[in-house]
Amino acid sequence: MHWSSLGEFLAMGGYAVYVWGSLLMTAFLLGGEQLLLARRRRALLAGPRPVAEYREAGDA
């Protein structure tokens, strides 16, 4: 496709909501995946937690 202006490009031939919405959702999900992976990596590098942290106050 050929767009003659920035406005036409952003409108995406009338499908802007679908195109830009899907791009934003993809970016959001990929960013979330990166955050979760970084969190998991930090937890693995920190090593196992002591057993006492897993137990609730009433457990013995």
PDB file of N, CA and C in Angstrom:
ATOM      1  N   MET A   1       0.831  -1.175   0.000  1.00  0.00           N
ATOM      2  CA  MET A   1       0.000   0.000   0.000  1.00  0.00           C
ATOM      3  C   MET A   1       0.875   1.237   0.000  1.00  0.00           C
ATOM      4  N   HIS A   2       0.312   2.296  -0.528  1.00  0.00           N
ATOM      5  CA  HIS A   2       1.006   3.573  -0.555  1.00  0.00           C
ATOM      6  C   HIS A   2       0.149   4.609   0.148  1.00  0.00           C
ATOM      7  N   TRP A   3       0.737   5.256   1.147  1.00  0.00           N
ATOM      8  CA  TRP A   3       0.010   6.293   1.878  1.00  0.00           C
ATOM      9  C   TRP A   3       0.581   7.638   1.483  1.00  0.00           C
ATOM     10  N   SER A   4      -0.303   8.594   1.277  1.00  0.00           N
ATOM     11  CA  SER A   4       0.156   9.919   0.868  1.00  0.00           C
ATOM     12  C   SER A   4       0.325  10.866   2.046  1.00  0.00           C
ATOM     13  N   SER A   5      -0.054  10.437   3.235  1.00  0.00           N
ATOM     14  CA  SER A   5       0.126  11.284   4.413  1.00  0.00           C
ATOM     15  C   SER A   5       0.272  10.414   5.654  1.00  0.00           C
ATOM     16  N   LEU A   6       0.745  11.024   6.708  1.00  0.00           N
ATOM     17  CA  LEU A   6       0.893  10.317   7.975  1.00  0.00           C
ATOM     18  C   LEU A   6      -0.472   9.924   8.520  1.00  0.00           C
ATOM     19  N   GLY A   7      -1.466  10.785   8.335  1.00  0.00           N
ATOM     20  CA  GLY A   7      -2.816  10.477   8.802  1.00  0.00           C
ATOM     21  C   GLY A   7      -3.387   9.239   8.145  1.00  0.00           C
ATOM     22  N   GLU A   8      -3.147   9.075   6.858  1.00  0.00           N
ATOM     23  CA  GLU A   8      -3.623   7.875   6.150  1.00  0.00           C
ATOM     24  C   GLU A   8      -2.898   6.630   6.660  1.00  0.00           C
ATOM     25  N   PHE A   9      -1.613   6.782   6.922  1.00  0.00           N
ATOM     26  CA  PHE A   9      -0.860   5.652   7.457  1.00  0.00           C
ATOM     27  C   PHE A   9      -1.403   5.238   8.810  1.00  0.00           C
ATOM     28  N   LEU A  10      -1.634   6.213   9.691  1.00  0.00           N
ATOM     29  CA  LEU A  10      -2.137   5.907  11.025  1.00  0.00           C
ATOM     30  C   LEU A  10      -3.554   5.343  10.979  1.00  0.00           C
ATOM     31  N   ALA A  11      -4.350   5.738   9.989  1.00  0.00           N
ATOM     32  CA  ALA A  11      -5.717   5.228   9.853  1.00  0.00           C
ATOM     33  C   ALA A  11      -5.732   3.796   9.328  1.00  0.00           C
ATOM     34  N   MET A  12      -4.670   3.374   8.669  1.00  0.00           N
ATOM     35  CA  MET A  12      -4.528   2.009   8.149  1.00  0.00           C
ATOM     36  C   MET A  12      -5.726   1.569   7.301  1.00  0.00           C
ATOM     37  N   GLY A  13      -6.190   2.451   6.479  1.00  0.00           N
ATOM     38  CA  GLY A  13      -7.291   2.103   5.579  1.00  0.00           C
ATOM     39  C   GLY A  13      -8.577   1.778   6.307  1.00  0.00           C
ATOM     40  N   GLY A  14      -8.781   2.340   7.481  1.00  0.00           N
ATOM     41  CA  GLY A  14      -9.994   2.089   8.246  1.00  0.00           C
ATOM     42  C   GLY A  14      -9.866   0.964   9.256  1.00  0.00           C
ATOM     43  N   TYR A  15      -8.728   0.324   9.306  1.00  0.00           N
ATOM     44  CA  TYR A  15      -8.515  -0.798  10.229  1.00  0.00           C
ATOM     45  C   TYR A  15      -7.555  -0.446  11.356  1.00  0.00           C
ATOM     46  N   ALA A  16      -7.417   0.830  11.655  1.00  0.00           N
ATOM     47  CA  ALA A  16      -6.436   1.285  12.646  1.00  0.00           C
ATOM     48  C   ALA A  16      -6.671   0.671  14.019  1.00  0.00           C
ATOM     49  N   VAL A  17      -7.922   0.548  14.441  1.00  0.00           N
ATOM     50  CA  VAL A  17      -8.203   0.003  15.769  1.00  0.00           C
ATOM     51  C   VAL A  17      -7.677  -1.419  15.882  1.00  0.00           C
ATOM     52  N   TYR A  18      -7.862  -2.196  14.846  1.00  0.00           N
ATOM     53  CA  TYR A  18      -7.416  -3.593  14.873  1.00  0.00           C
ATOM     54  C   TYR A  18      -5.900  -3.697  14.747  1.00  0.00           C
ATOM     55  N   VAL A  19      -5.320  -2.926  13.848  1.00  0.00           N
ATOM     56  CA  VAL A  19      -3.878  -2.991  13.609  1.00  0.00           C
ATOM     57  C   VAL A  19      -3.107  -2.483  14.818  1.00  0.00           C
ATOM     58  N   TRP A  20      -3.408  -1.258  15.242  1.00  0.00           N
ATOM     59  CA  TRP A  20      -2.663  -0.677  16.352  1.00  0.00           C
ATOM     60  C   TRP A  20      -3.014  -1.363  17.669  1.00  0.00           C
ATOM     61  N   GLY A  21      -4.239  -1.792  17.823  1.00  0.00           N
ATOM     62  CA  GLY A  21      -4.612  -2.527  19.023  1.00  0.00           C
ATOM     63  C   GLY A  21      -3.852  -3.835  19.155  1.00  0.00           C
ATOM     64  N   SER A  22      -3.723  -4.544  18.043  1.00  0.00           N
ATOM     65  CA  SER A  22      -2.990  -5.815  18.090  1.00  0.00           C
ATOM     66  C   SER A  22      -1.503  -5.583  18.328  1.00  0.00           C
ATOM     67  N   LEU A  23      -0.950  -4.525  17.760  1.00  0.00           N
ATOM     68  CA  LEU A  23       0.464  -4.222  18.010  1.00  0.00           C
ATOM     69  C   LEU A  23       0.694  -3.838  19.470  1.00  0.00           C
ATOM     70  N   LEU A  24      -0.190  -3.033  20.024  1.00  0.00           N
ATOM     71  CA  LEU A  24      -0.059  -2.651  21.432  1.00  0.00           C
ATOM     72  C   LEU A  24      -0.218  -3.856  22.359  1.00  0.00           C
ATOM     73  N   MET A  25      -1.175  -4.716  22.057  1.00  0.00           N
ATOM     74  CA  MET A  25      -1.375  -5.910  22.886  1.00  0.00           C
ATOM     75  C   MET A  25      -0.154  -6.826  22.814  1.00  0.00           C
ATOM     76  N   THR A  26       0.407  -6.980  21.635  1.00  0.00           N
ATOM     77  CA  THR A  26       1.598  -7.804  21.475  1.00  0.00           C
ATOM     78  C   THR A  26       2.764  -7.229  22.264  1.00  0.00           C
ATOM     79  N   ALA A  27       2.968  -5.920  22.166  1.00  0.00           N
ATOM     80  CA  ALA A  27       4.048  -5.273  22.912  1.00  0.00           C
ATOM     81  C   ALA A  27       3.828  -5.418  24.415  1.00  0.00           C
ATOM     82  N   PHE A  28       2.596  -5.260  24.862  1.00  0.00           N
ATOM     83  CA  PHE A  28       2.268  -5.402  26.285  1.00  0.00           C
ATOM     84  C   PHE A  28       2.561  -6.816  26.774  1.00  0.00           C
ATOM     85  N   LEU A  29       2.132  -7.812  26.016  1.00  0.00           N
ATOM     86  CA  LEU A  29       2.347  -9.203  26.420  1.00  0.00           C
ATOM     87  C   LEU A  29       3.825  -9.593  26.388  1.00  0.00           C
ATOM     88  N   LEU A  30       4.550  -9.127  25.375  1.00  0.00           N
ATOM     89  CA  LEU A  30       5.985  -9.424  25.326  1.00  0.00           C
ATOM     90  C   LEU A  30       6.726  -8.740  26.470  1.00  0.00           C
ATOM     91  N   GLY A  31       6.340  -7.522  26.795  1.00  0.00           N
ATOM     92  CA  GLY A  31       6.945  -6.835  27.935  1.00  0.00           C
ATOM     93  C   GLY A  31       6.646  -7.547  29.236  1.00  0.00           C
ATOM     94  N   GLY A  32       5.413  -8.011  29.394  1.00  0.00           N
ATOM     95  CA  GLY A  32       5.049  -8.771  30.587  1.00  0.00           C
ATOM     96  C   GLY A  32       5.823 -10.063  30.690  1.00  0.00           C
ATOM     97  N   GLU A  33       6.026 -10.707  29.571  1.00  0.00           N
ATOM     98  CA  GLU A  33       6.807 -11.950  29.561  1.00  0.00           C
ATOM     99  C   GLU A  33       8.248 -11.682  29.999  1.00  0.00           C
ATOM    100  N   GLN A  34       8.819 -10.582  29.539  1.00  0.00           N
ATOM    101  CA  GLN A  34      10.176 -10.229  29.940  1.00  0.00           C
ATOM    102  C   GLN A  34      10.258  -9.959  31.436  1.00  0.00           C
ATOM    103  N   LEU A  35       9.265  -9.272  31.985  1.00  0.00           N
ATOM    104  CA  LEU A  35       9.248  -9.006  33.423  1.00  0.00           C
ATOM    105  C   LEU A  35       9.135 -10.295  34.227  1.00  0.00           C
ATOM    106  N   LEU A  36       8.273 -11.203  33.783  1.00  0.00           N
ATOM    107  CA  LEU A  36       8.121 -12.472  34.489  1.00  0.00           C
ATOM    108  C   LEU A  36       9.388 -13.319  34.416  1.00  0.00           C
ATOM    109  N   LEU A  37      10.036 -13.310  33.259  1.00  0.00           N
ATOM    110  CA  LEU A  37      11.283 -14.063  33.123  1.00  0.00           C
ATOM    111  C   LEU A  37      12.378 -13.481  34.007  1.00  0.00           C
ATOM    112  N   ALA A  38      12.463 -12.164  34.075  1.00  0.00           N
ATOM    113  CA  ALA A  38      13.473 -11.535  34.932  1.00  0.00           C
ATOM    114  C   ALA A  38      13.200 -11.847  36.396  1.00  0.00           C
ATOM    115  N   ARG A  39      11.936 -11.846  36.781  1.00  0.00           N
ATOM    116  CA  ARG A  39      11.568 -12.171  38.163  1.00  0.00           C
ATOM    117  C   ARG A  39      11.917 -13.618  38.495  1.00  0.00           C
ATOM    118  N   ARG A  40      11.620 -14.521  37.580  1.00  0.00           N
ATOM    119  CA  ARG A  40      11.936 -15.934  37.798  1.00  0.00           C
ATOM    120  C   ARG A  40      13.449 -16.149  37.875  1.00  0.00           C
ATOM    121  N   ARG A  41      14.197 -15.439  37.029  1.00  0.00           N
ATOM    122  CA  ARG A  41      15.655 -15.562  37.029  1.00  0.00           C
ATOM    123  C   ARG A  41      16.234 -15.082  38.354  1.00  0.00           C
ATOM    124  N   ARG A  42      15.746 -13.946  38.850  1.00  0.00           N
ATOM    125  CA  ARG A  42      16.215 -13.441  40.144  1.00  0.00           C
ATOM    126  C   ARG A  42      15.926 -14.436  41.256  1.00  0.00           C
ATOM    127  N   ALA A  43      14.755 -15.062  41.209  1.00  0.00           N
ATOM    128  CA  ALA A  43      14.398 -16.041  42.236  1.00  0.00           C
ATOM    129  C   ALA A  43      15.311 -17.268  42.165  1.00  0.00           C
ATOM    130  N   LEU A  44      15.638 -17.705  40.958  1.00  0.00           N
ATOM    131  CA  LEU A  44      16.517 -18.863  40.815  1.00  0.00           C
ATOM    132  C   LEU A  44      17.937 -18.543  41.263  1.00  0.00           C
ATOM    133  N   LEU A  45      18.412 -17.348  40.947  1.00  0.00           N
ATOM    134  CA  LEU A  45      19.767 -16.971  41.343  1.00  0.00           C
ATOM    135  C   LEU A  45      19.879 -16.744  42.845  1.00  0.00           C
ATOM    136  N   ALA A  46      18.775 -16.381  43.488  1.00  0.00           N
ATOM    137  CA  ALA A  46      18.786 -16.157  44.933  1.00  0.00           C
ATOM    138  C   ALA A  46      18.880 -17.466  45.692  1.00  0.00           C
ATOM    139  N   GLY A  47      18.571 -18.561  45.063  1.00  0.00           N
ATOM    140  CA  GLY A  47      18.648 -19.853  45.721  1.00  0.00           C
ATOM    141  C   GLY A  47      17.346 -20.208  46.409  1.00  0.00           C
ATOM    142  N   PRO A  48      17.284 -21.402  46.968  1.00  0.00           N
ATOM    143  CA  PRO A  48      16.056 -21.840  47.626  1.00  0.00           C
ATOM    144  C   PRO A  48      15.812 -21.065  48.921  1.00  0.00           C
ATOM    145  N   ARG A  49      14.538 -20.858  49.208  1.00  0.00           N
ATOM    146  CA  ARG A  49      14.165 -20.176  50.448  1.00  0.00           C
ATOM    147  C   ARG A  49      14.141 -21.188  51.588  1.00  0.00           C
ATOM    148  N   PRO A  50      14.393 -20.729  52.805  1.00  0.00           N
ATOM    149  CA  PRO A  50      14.299 -21.636  53.950  1.00  0.00           C
ATOM    150  C   PRO A  50      12.882 -22.183  54.103  1.00  0.00           C
ATOM    151  N   VAL A  51      12.758 -23.370  54.671  1.00  0.00           N
ATOM    152  CA  VAL A  51      11.472 -24.028  54.827  1.00  0.00           C
ATOM    153  C   VAL A  51      10.521 -23.185  55.662  1.00  0.00           C
ATOM    154  N   ALA A  52      11.020 -22.448  56.627  1.00  0.00           N
ATOM    155  CA  ALA A  52      10.174 -21.643  57.510  1.00  0.00           C
ATOM    156  C   ALA A  52       9.369 -20.612  56.731  1.00  0.00           C
ATOM    157  N   GLU A  53       9.870 -20.131  55.601  1.00  0.00           N
ATOM    158  CA  GLU A  53       9.138 -19.150  54.802  1.00  0.00           C
ATOM    159  C   GLU A  53       7.928 -19.773  54.127  1.00  0.00           C
ATOM    160  N   TYR A  54       7.954 -21.072  53.893  1.00  0.00           N
ATOM    161  CA  TYR A  54       6.847 -21.738  53.223  1.00  0.00           C
ATOM    162  C   TYR A  54       5.688 -22.019  54.182  1.00  0.00           C
ATOM    163  N   ARG A  55       6.003 -22.163  55.443  1.00  0.00           N
ATOM    164  CA  ARG A  55       4.976 -22.523  56.430  1.00  0.00           C
ATOM    165  C   ARG A  55       4.208 -21.300  56.859  1.00  0.00           C
ATOM    166  N   GLU A  56       2.953 -21.500  57.110  1.00  0.00           N
ATOM    167  CA  GLU A  56       2.140 -20.420  57.673  1.00  0.00           C
ATOM    168  C   GLU A  56       2.325 -20.419  59.180  1.00  0.00           C
ATOM    169  N   ALA A  57       1.845 -19.391  59.852  1.00  0.00           N
ATOM    170  CA  ALA A  57       2.072 -19.225  61.281  1.00  0.00           C
ATOM    171  C   ALA A  57       1.523 -20.389  62.106  1.00  0.00           C
ATOM    172  N   GLY A  58       0.379 -20.966  61.731  1.00  0.00           N
ATOM    173  CA  GLY A  58      -0.239 -22.023  62.515  1.00  0.00           C
ATOM    174  C   GLY A  58       0.310 -23.413  62.237  1.00  0.00           C
ATOM    175  N   ASP A  59       1.094 -23.613  61.191  1.00  0.00           N
ATOM    176  CA  ASP A  59       1.614 -24.942  60.848  1.00  0.00           C
ATOM    177  C   ASP A  59       2.803 -25.287  61.747  1.00  0.00           C
ATOM    178  N   ALA A  60       2.932 -26.568  62.027  1.00  0.00           N
ATOM    179  CA  ALA A  60       4.081 -26.981  62.828  1.00  0.00           C
ATOM    180  C   ALA A  60       4.678 -28.261  62.295  1.00  0.00           C
TER     181      ALA A  60
END
